[in-house]
Amino acid sequence: MQDGTAITCPDPAVTGFLDAATVHQKQAEHHTGGFMVGDDYTQCFVRDCNGSHHWLLDTGHPEEVRRSMEFFFRMDAEGGNFQNSYELDQGKSFVEPQPPCDPSLPWPGV
């Protein structure tokens, strides 16, 4: 990948595998910022993003993690509660620039 951390190993097959893993993580990101595990799911589960977040942070892609965290922040703030998953199509798209989330927004019930 052109952006992020370049990982090279003595074995080119391992280097290729690690690069492919990064591509796989990036392709799993929905345009709203959430990550989809694949299969038949149309939801983004909080727990399923942990691996994506760790991999992307470790490989120098913090912007993708920020978008994912903002996806959950927006969904929680708009719904007024915490859920373990959200429909990916509920979120606003990151295709167009979005203003950053305001950390001073009130959290109902907190």
Protein backbone atom coordinates (compact mmCIF):
# COMPACT_ATOMS: atom_id res chain seq x y z
CA MET A 1 0.00 0.00 0.00
CA GLN A 2 1.29 3.43 -0.78
CA ASP A 3 0.22 5.04 2.48
CA GLY A 4 0.99 3.71 5.93
CA THR A 5 3.93 1.72 7.21
CA ALA A 6 5.92 -0.34 4.71
CA ILE A 7 6.52 -3.83 6.07
CA THR A 8 9.23 -5.91 4.45
CA CYS A 9 10.41 -9.35 5.45
CA PRO A 10 13.22 -11.57 4.17
CA ASP A 11 10.56 -13.87 2.69
CA PRO A 12 8.66 -12.01 -0.07
CA ALA A 13 5.66 -14.28 0.47
CA VAL A 14 5.31 -13.01 4.04
CA THR A 15 5.66 -9.41 2.85
CA GLY A 16 2.95 -10.06 0.27
CA PHE A 17 0.69 -11.64 2.87
CA LEU A 18 1.03 -8.67 5.23
CA ASP A 19 0.33 -6.21 2.42
CA ALA A 20 -2.72 -8.24 1.38
CA ALA A 21 -3.95 -8.25 4.99
CA THR A 22 -3.81 -4.46 5.02
CA VAL A 23 -5.72 -4.28 1.73
CA HIS A 24 -8.30 -6.68 3.17
CA GLN A 25 -8.77 -4.52 6.27
CA LYS A 26 -9.16 -1.36 4.22
CA GLN A 27 -11.67 -2.95 1.83
CA ALA A 28 -13.82 -4.01 4.80
CA GLU A 29 -14.40 -0.34 5.70
CA HIS A 30 -17.85 0.90 4.73
CA HIS A 31 -18.17 4.43 3.36
CA THR A 32 -19.85 5.45 6.63
CA GLY A 33 -16.73 4.56 8.61
CA GLY A 34 -17.80 1.26 10.16
CA PHE A 35 -16.21 -2.09 9.37
CA MET A 36 -18.13 -5.12 8.14
CA VAL A 37 -16.95 -8.62 8.98
CA GLY A 38 -18.22 -10.00 5.68
CA ASP A 39 -20.52 -12.97 5.22
CA ASP A 40 -24.20 -12.07 5.43
CA TYR A 41 -23.88 -9.23 7.92
CA THR A 42 -24.98 -5.70 7.17
CA GLN A 43 -24.11 -4.47 10.63
CA CYS A 44 -20.96 -3.14 12.22
CA PHE A 45 -20.24 -4.79 15.56
CA VAL A 46 -18.10 -2.97 18.12
CA ARG A 47 -16.16 -6.11 19.07
CA ASP A 48 -15.46 -7.02 15.43
CA CYS A 49 -13.68 -3.71 14.86
CA ASN A 50 -10.98 -4.42 17.44
CA GLY A 51 -8.83 -6.46 15.09
CA SER A 52 -9.26 -3.96 12.25
CA HIS A 53 -8.40 -1.06 14.55
CA HIS A 54 -5.26 -2.74 15.89
CA TRP A 55 -4.05 -3.78 12.45
CA LEU A 56 -4.67 -0.40 10.88
CA LEU A 57 -3.02 1.47 13.74
CA ASP A 58 -0.03 -0.88 13.64
CA THR A 59 0.34 -0.35 9.90
CA GLY A 60 0.07 3.45 9.96
CA HIS A 61 -3.59 4.03 9.01
CA PRO A 62 -4.99 6.07 11.91
CA GLU A 63 -7.48 7.97 9.71
CA GLU A 64 -9.46 4.80 9.02
CA VAL A 65 -9.65 4.08 12.76
CA ARG A 66 -10.75 7.65 13.47
CA ARG A 67 -13.59 7.29 10.95
CA SER A 68 -14.68 4.05 12.57
CA MET A 69 -14.66 5.56 16.05
CA GLU A 70 -16.63 8.56 14.77
CA PHE A 71 -19.15 6.13 13.22
CA PHE A 72 -19.84 4.64 16.67
CA PHE A 73 -19.83 8.05 18.35
CA ARG A 74 -22.41 9.37 15.87
CA MET A 75 -24.60 6.29 16.16
CA ASP A 76 -24.48 6.36 19.98
CA ALA A 77 -25.14 10.11 20.12
CA GLU A 78 -28.02 9.99 17.63
CA GLY A 79 -29.64 6.97 19.28
CA GLY A 80 -29.10 8.20 22.82
CA ASN A 81 -27.65 4.89 24.00
CA PHE A 82 -24.84 2.40 23.48
CA GLN A 83 -25.42 -0.63 21.28
CA ASN A 84 -23.13 -3.49 20.34
CA SER A 85 -23.88 -3.12 16.63
CA TYR A 86 -25.36 -0.73 14.10
CA GLU A 87 -26.61 -1.02 10.54
CA LEU A 88 -23.86 0.36 8.36
CA ASP A 89 -26.28 2.28 6.14
CA GLN A 90 -27.51 4.31 9.14
CA GLY A 91 -24.33 6.33 9.28
CA LYS A 92 -23.47 9.39 7.27
CA SER A 93 -21.07 8.76 4.45
CA PHE A 94 -17.43 9.79 4.63
CA VAL A 95 -17.42 10.16 0.86
CA GLU A 96 -18.07 13.87 1.42
CA PRO A 97 -16.06 15.63 4.12
CA GLN A 98 -17.81 15.69 7.48
CA PRO A 99 -17.10 18.12 10.31
CA PRO A 100 -15.36 16.47 13.26
CA CYS A 101 -17.54 15.25 16.12
CA ASP A 102 -17.98 17.73 18.93
CA PRO A 103 -16.73 16.04 22.13
CA SER A 104 -18.90 18.39 24.21
CA LEU A 105 -22.13 16.86 22.85
CA PRO A 106 -24.37 15.73 25.71
CA TRP A 107 -24.73 12.00 26.23
CA PRO A 108 -28.30 11.23 27.39
CA GLY A 109 -28.38 9.21 30.58
CA VAL A 110 -24.68 9.65 31.33
